[in-house]
Amino acid sequence: MKNLINRYKDADKQFLESLGIEYPYKHPGYQWKDNTDKDKYLILADLHEPYADDITLRKSLEHKDAETVIVVGDIGDYYSKSRFRKTRVVSFKEELRSIFLRLQWLSVHFKRVKIIKGNHDNRPEKKIAELFAGEIDLLILTERDVLARLISYFDNIELVGTKIRTFDGDDINVDHIWQMGDVIFTHGELSRAQETATMEYISKFLRLWKDELGLKNYSVIIQAHNHGALKSVKGTELWLMTPCSMQTKSVGAEYVFSPKMIGKPPTRGYSLLYQSKGKTDWNKTNFYVNE
């Protein structure tokens, strides 16, 4: 057992020092508000580190009275591991370091942090699986979840999602869907020309798959990924498409300037959710866009 502990310490030291982080890691200390509102939630999404928008994040600190911040996917971009055509070299080490430091920033300023995975967050694992060319049994020799590894250094940050227990007792992780009270958070990897059409598709999907996903009754859907902003009521549901926290003029977003000339500029900002005892206040819950 002692040898195992020493091997773990050696691996941990190597990992942190590769990111330029001193080993053993020492948290810089908390700067939480003395009195926080447990019914107020700050919603951030699509930071795409190292391309996060500093203006959005500075403004979000005006809401440190929120006891919990929820990051709805894509805290990292991982341009270096994208399967799409790249135009320049970006350091994977620097990408990991920027995510680690952003997690530290969240841990310092907010009492509780919940993080949902987006489609960019598992790009390193996808790349590793691709390199192994189907030899899945070799994956046990690699880092299985780099975001979970980075989060493990912070006691007040939790990676959340949905687990489905299979008939043979195994688990399927649905990382892009998470329920809290009467809210379903999603980072669905889909886009439609009209934002309401995107939300309608997600709403229909959740209704059809509610039981299979093990979801409880809900009335609010909060979607990230689309870098847009929308608040709409449809029937018995409140739909909120939450803005992104990413810089447009960055390497990670260069695809928006392609000759295809599609899409529209991303909307930068954050959202505030107000929920008491599992029930959301529809009137107070809204998105806020940078001016």
Protein backbone atom coordinates (compact mmCIF):
# COMPACT_ATOMS: atom_id res chain seq x y z
CA MET A 1 0.00 0.00 0.00
CA LYS A 2 2.87 2.39 0.81
CA ASN A 3 4.37 1.82 -2.64
CA LEU A 4 0.97 2.54 -4.22
CA ILE A 5 0.65 5.81 -2.30
CA ASN A 6 4.17 6.83 -3.32
CA ARG A 7 3.41 6.05 -6.97
CA TYR A 8 0.27 8.18 -6.75
CA LYS A 9 2.23 11.06 -5.22
CA ASP A 10 4.86 10.81 -7.95
CA ALA A 11 2.19 10.85 -10.67
CA ASP A 12 0.40 13.77 -9.01
CA LYS A 13 3.65 15.73 -8.73
CA GLN A 14 4.45 15.11 -12.38
CA PHE A 15 0.94 16.13 -13.46
CA LEU A 16 0.90 19.42 -11.53
CA GLU A 17 4.45 20.39 -12.42
CA SER A 18 3.70 19.74 -16.10
CA LEU A 19 1.07 22.49 -15.79
CA GLY A 20 3.42 24.85 -13.99
CA ILE A 21 1.57 24.34 -10.69
CA GLU A 22 3.61 23.92 -7.52
CA TYR A 23 3.40 20.52 -5.82
CA PRO A 24 1.80 19.87 -3.42
CA TYR A 25 -1.00 22.13 -4.53
CA LYS A 26 -1.95 24.87 -2.05
CA HIS A 27 -5.29 26.58 -2.44
CA PRO A 28 -4.87 30.41 -2.41
CA GLY A 29 -7.78 30.85 0.03
CA TYR A 30 -11.47 31.61 -0.22
CA GLN A 31 -13.01 35.03 -0.84
CA TRP A 32 -16.66 34.11 -0.41
CA LYS A 33 -19.34 36.54 0.67
CA ASP A 34 -20.10 36.28 4.39
CA ASN A 35 -23.83 35.98 3.71
CA THR A 36 -24.83 34.13 0.58
CA ASP A 37 -28.29 33.52 -0.86
CA LYS A 38 -28.92 29.79 -1.11
CA ASP A 39 -31.85 30.43 -3.48
CA LYS A 40 -29.76 32.41 -6.00
CA TYR A 41 -27.70 30.60 -8.64
CA LEU A 42 -25.24 32.17 -11.08
CA ILE A 43 -25.25 30.38 -14.44
CA LEU A 44 -22.12 30.51 -16.60
CA ALA A 45 -21.66 28.60 -19.84
CA ASP A 46 -19.24 28.01 -22.69
CA LEU A 47 -16.14 29.67 -21.26
CA HIS A 48 -13.95 27.74 -23.73
CA GLU A 49 -10.76 28.38 -21.76
CA PRO A 50 -8.24 29.75 -22.59
CA TYR A 51 -10.59 32.01 -24.57
CA ALA A 52 -12.94 33.11 -21.77
CA ASP A 53 -14.37 36.62 -21.89
CA ASP A 54 -12.91 38.60 -19.00
CA ILE A 55 -15.65 41.24 -19.11
CA THR A 56 -18.38 38.64 -18.57
CA LEU A 57 -16.50 36.99 -15.72
CA ARG A 58 -15.72 40.29 -14.00
CA LYS A 59 -19.40 41.22 -14.17
CA SER A 60 -20.36 37.84 -12.78
CA LEU A 61 -18.44 38.72 -9.59
CA GLU A 62 -21.17 41.26 -8.87
CA HIS A 63 -23.23 38.19 -7.91
CA LYS A 64 -20.91 36.61 -5.36
CA ASP A 65 -23.93 36.62 -3.05
CA ALA A 66 -25.14 33.61 -5.06
CA GLU A 67 -24.27 30.58 -2.96
CA THR A 68 -23.82 28.36 -6.02
CA VAL A 69 -22.45 28.87 -9.51
CA ILE A 70 -23.37 26.35 -12.21
CA VAL A 71 -21.18 26.02 -15.32
CA VAL A 72 -23.32 24.48 -18.06
CA GLY A 73 -20.61 22.90 -20.18
CA ASP A 74 -17.48 23.72 -22.17
CA ILE A 75 -15.35 25.21 -19.44
CA GLY A 76 -12.49 24.22 -21.77
CA ASP A 77 -12.11 24.49 -25.53
CA TYR A 78 -9.22 22.09 -26.32
CA TYR A 79 -8.54 23.61 -29.73
CA SER A 80 -5.35 21.53 -29.89
CA LYS A 81 -7.36 18.30 -29.79
CA SER A 82 -10.13 19.34 -32.17
CA ARG A 83 -10.86 17.05 -35.12
CA PHE A 84 -11.51 20.10 -37.28
CA ARG A 85 -8.90 21.78 -39.48
CA LYS A 86 -6.51 23.86 -37.39
CA THR A 87 -4.54 26.88 -38.57
CA ARG A 88 -1.99 27.17 -35.76
CA VAL A 89 -0.28 25.33 -32.94
CA VAL A 90 -1.84 25.71 -29.49
CA SER A 91 -0.17 24.16 -26.43
CA PHE A 92 -2.22 21.42 -24.78
CA LYS A 93 -0.30 22.12 -21.56
CA GLU A 94 -1.42 25.76 -21.62
CA GLU A 95 -5.01 24.71 -22.31
CA LEU A 96 -5.02 22.46 -19.24
CA ARG A 97 -3.34 25.12 -17.14
CA SER A 98 -5.93 27.74 -18.10
CA ILE A 99 -8.77 25.38 -17.13
CA PHE A 100 -7.08 24.58 -13.80
CA LEU A 101 -6.68 28.30 -13.03
CA ARG A 102 -10.29 29.01 -13.98
CA LEU A 103 -11.45 26.23 -11.66
CA GLN A 104 -9.30 27.81 -8.95
CA TRP A 105 -10.92 31.21 -9.66
CA LEU A 106 -14.39 29.68 -9.31
CA SER A 107 -13.39 27.89 -6.10
CA VAL A 108 -11.98 31.08 -4.59
CA HIS A 109 -15.00 33.29 -5.31
CA PHE A 110 -18.02 31.00 -4.93
CA LYS A 111 -19.01 28.77 -2.06
CA ARG A 112 -20.34 25.94 -4.23
CA VAL A 113 -19.58 25.14 -7.87
CA LYS A 114 -21.37 22.61 -10.07
CA ILE A 115 -19.93 21.76 -13.48
CA ILE A 116 -21.69 20.00 -16.35
CA LYS A 117 -19.68 18.64 -19.26
CA GLY A 118 -20.06 20.07 -22.75
CA ASN A 119 -19.08 18.64 -26.11
CA HIS A 120 -15.62 20.26 -25.94
CA ASP A 121 -14.80 19.00 -22.45
CA ASN A 122 -14.09 15.42 -23.49
CA ARG A 123 -12.05 16.22 -26.61
CA PRO A 124 -8.84 14.82 -25.02
CA GLU A 125 -10.54 11.50 -24.26
CA LYS A 126 -11.97 11.35 -27.79
CA LYS A 127 -8.47 11.94 -29.19
CA ILE A 128 -6.98 9.18 -27.05
CA ALA A 129 -9.69 6.73 -28.12
CA GLU A 130 -9.02 7.67 -31.74
CA LEU A 131 -5.28 7.05 -31.34
CA PHE A 132 -5.95 3.60 -29.89
CA ALA A 133 -7.98 2.76 -33.00
CA GLY A 134 -10.60 0.72 -31.20
CA GLU A 135 -8.29 -1.01 -28.70
CA ILE A 136 -10.58 0.04 -25.85
CA ASP A 137 -8.95 -2.25 -23.28
CA LEU A 138 -5.81 -0.08 -23.46
CA LEU A 139 -7.72 2.95 -22.21
CA ILE A 140 -7.14 1.80 -18.62
CA LEU A 141 -3.53 2.95 -19.10
CA THR A 142 -4.57 6.55 -19.76
CA GLU A 143 -6.19 9.43 -17.89
CA ARG A 144 -9.87 8.48 -18.10
CA ASP A 145 -11.36 11.91 -17.35
CA VAL A 146 -9.04 14.91 -17.33
CA LEU A 147 -11.74 17.37 -16.23
CA ALA A 148 -12.57 15.19 -13.21
CA ARG A 149 -8.84 15.07 -12.43
CA LEU A 150 -8.56 18.85 -12.49
CA ILE A 151 -11.70 19.28 -10.38
CA SER A 152 -10.41 16.84 -7.75
CA TYR A 153 -8.06 19.53 -6.37
CA PHE A 154 -11.00 21.68 -5.24
CA ASP A 155 -13.24 20.60 -2.36
CA ASN A 156 -16.12 22.91 -3.27
CA ILE A 157 -16.37 21.96 -6.97
CA GLU A 158 -18.46 19.03 -8.16
CA LEU A 159 -18.81 17.45 -11.59
CA VAL A 160 -22.50 16.67 -12.12
CA GLY A 161 -24.58 14.86 -14.70
CA THR A 162 -27.03 11.98 -15.06
CA LYS A 163 -26.24 8.34 -14.40
CA ILE A 164 -28.32 5.57 -15.93
CA ARG A 165 -28.05 2.14 -14.32
CA THR A 166 -28.08 -0.59 -16.95
CA PHE A 167 -29.77 -3.97 -16.64
CA ASP A 168 -26.42 -5.61 -15.83
CA GLY A 169 -25.60 -3.14 -13.06
CA ASP A 170 -23.20 -0.93 -15.00
CA ASP A 171 -23.55 2.85 -15.39
CA ILE A 172 -24.02 5.01 -18.47
CA ASN A 173 -22.96 8.60 -17.89
CA VAL A 174 -25.12 11.21 -19.61
CA ASP A 175 -22.79 14.11 -18.94
CA HIS A 176 -24.71 16.82 -20.82
CA ILE A 177 -27.97 16.56 -18.83
CA TRP A 178 -28.44 17.33 -15.13
CA GLN A 179 -31.52 17.96 -13.03
CA MET A 180 -31.73 20.25 -10.01
CA GLY A 181 -35.20 20.61 -8.55
CA ASP A 182 -37.63 21.52 -11.32
CA VAL A 183 -34.82 22.55 -13.72
CA ILE A 184 -33.17 20.42 -16.40
CA PHE A 185 -29.79 21.78 -17.49
CA THR A 186 -28.65 20.65 -20.93
CA HIS A 187 -25.67 21.09 -23.18
CA GLY A 188 -27.30 19.47 -26.19
CA GLU A 189 -25.05 19.49 -29.23
CA LEU A 190 -27.57 20.85 -31.71
CA SER A 191 -28.47 24.14 -33.33
CA ARG A 192 -31.37 25.44 -35.37
CA ALA A 193 -31.65 28.75 -37.22
CA GLN A 194 -34.33 29.84 -34.77
CA GLU A 195 -33.46 29.58 -31.08
CA THR A 196 -37.04 28.62 -30.23
CA ALA A 197 -36.71 25.69 -32.65
CA THR A 198 -33.63 24.48 -30.78
CA MET A 199 -35.48 24.63 -27.47
CA GLU A 200 -38.54 22.94 -28.95
CA TYR A 201 -36.40 20.03 -30.14
CA ILE A 202 -34.77 19.67 -26.71
CA SER A 203 -38.14 19.90 -24.98
CA LYS A 204 -39.56 17.13 -27.17
CA PHE A 205 -36.50 14.94 -26.60
CA LEU A 206 -36.71 15.30 -22.82
CA ARG A 207 -40.41 14.47 -22.79
CA LEU A 208 -39.81 11.32 -24.85
CA TRP A 209 -36.79 10.18 -22.83
CA LYS A 210 -37.80 11.39 -19.36
CA ASP A 211 -38.36 7.93 -17.91
CA GLU A 212 -35.33 6.34 -19.56
CA LEU A 213 -33.14 9.14 -18.19
CA GLY A 214 -34.69 8.81 -14.74
CA LEU A 215 -35.78 12.45 -14.66
CA LYS A 216 -38.33 13.69 -12.15
CA ASN A 217 -41.07 16.15 -12.97
CA TYR A 218 -39.65 19.43 -14.25
CA SER A 219 -40.92 22.72 -15.67
CA VAL A 220 -37.76 24.62 -16.66
CA ILE A 221 -35.11 23.84 -19.30
CA ILE A 222 -31.80 25.74 -19.36
CA GLN A 223 -29.69 25.09 -22.46
CA ALA A 224 -26.10 26.15 -23.17
CA HIS A 225 -23.90 25.37 -26.24
CA ASN A 226 -25.63 27.72 -28.70
CA HIS A 227 -23.98 30.95 -27.52
CA GLY A 228 -27.35 32.66 -27.76
CA ALA A 229 -29.89 34.11 -25.35
CA LEU A 230 -33.58 33.39 -25.07
CA LYS A 231 -36.30 33.37 -22.45
CA SER A 232 -39.60 31.92 -23.57
CA VAL A 233 -42.64 30.23 -22.08
CA LYS A 234 -44.13 27.37 -24.06
CA GLY A 235 -47.15 25.69 -22.53
CA THR A 236 -46.17 24.54 -19.06
CA GLU A 237 -42.43 25.01 -19.57
CA LEU A 238 -40.00 27.90 -19.17
CA TRP A 239 -37.17 27.83 -21.71
CA LEU A 240 -33.90 29.66 -21.07
CA MET A 241 -31.03 29.64 -23.54
CA THR A 242 -28.10 31.00 -21.56
CA PRO A 243 -25.39 33.24 -23.09
CA CYS A 244 -21.75 32.24 -23.45
CA SER A 245 -18.64 33.53 -21.65
CA MET A 246 -16.24 33.26 -24.61
CA GLN A 247 -14.35 35.87 -26.60
CA THR A 248 -15.41 35.99 -30.25
CA LYS A 249 -12.06 37.29 -31.51
CA SER A 250 -10.04 34.26 -30.46
CA VAL A 251 -8.41 31.23 -32.02
CA GLY A 252 -11.08 29.00 -30.54
CA ALA A 253 -13.81 30.92 -32.35
CA GLU A 254 -12.11 31.39 -35.72
CA TYR A 255 -14.61 29.02 -37.32
CA VAL A 256 -17.30 31.72 -37.11
CA PHE A 257 -15.40 33.73 -39.73
CA SER A 258 -15.42 30.91 -42.30
CA PRO A 259 -16.45 31.48 -45.96
CA LYS A 260 -19.70 29.63 -45.27
CA MET A 261 -20.97 32.93 -43.82
CA ILE A 262 -23.52 31.30 -41.53
CA GLY A 263 -24.65 31.93 -38.00
CA LYS A 264 -24.64 35.10 -35.99
CA PRO A 265 -22.28 36.65 -33.44
CA PRO A 266 -22.36 34.93 -30.05
CA THR A 267 -24.21 36.57 -27.18
CA ARG A 268 -21.96 37.05 -24.16
CA GLY A 269 -23.30 37.19 -20.65
CA TYR A 270 -24.65 35.01 -17.86
CA SER A 271 -27.96 34.00 -16.30
CA LEU A 272 -29.41 34.11 -12.80
CA LEU A 273 -31.65 31.34 -11.54
CA TYR A 274 -33.80 31.73 -8.44
CA GLN A 275 -35.01 28.47 -6.94
CA SER A 276 -36.39 27.76 -3.47
CA LYS A 277 -37.01 24.22 -2.22
CA GLY A 278 -36.76 22.87 -5.75
CA LYS A 279 -39.22 25.33 -7.29
CA THR A 280 -38.02 28.02 -9.71
CA ASP A 281 -39.20 31.61 -9.68
CA TRP A 282 -40.00 32.16 -13.37
CA ASN A 283 -40.22 35.94 -13.06
CA LYS A 284 -36.82 36.52 -11.45
CA THR A 285 -34.94 33.89 -13.48
CA ASN A 286 -33.40 35.50 -16.58
CA PHE A 287 -30.30 36.02 -18.72
CA TYR A 288 -28.11 39.13 -18.69
CA VAL A 289 -26.17 40.29 -21.75
CA ASN A 290 -23.01 42.40 -21.79
CA GLU A 291 -23.64 45.96 -22.96
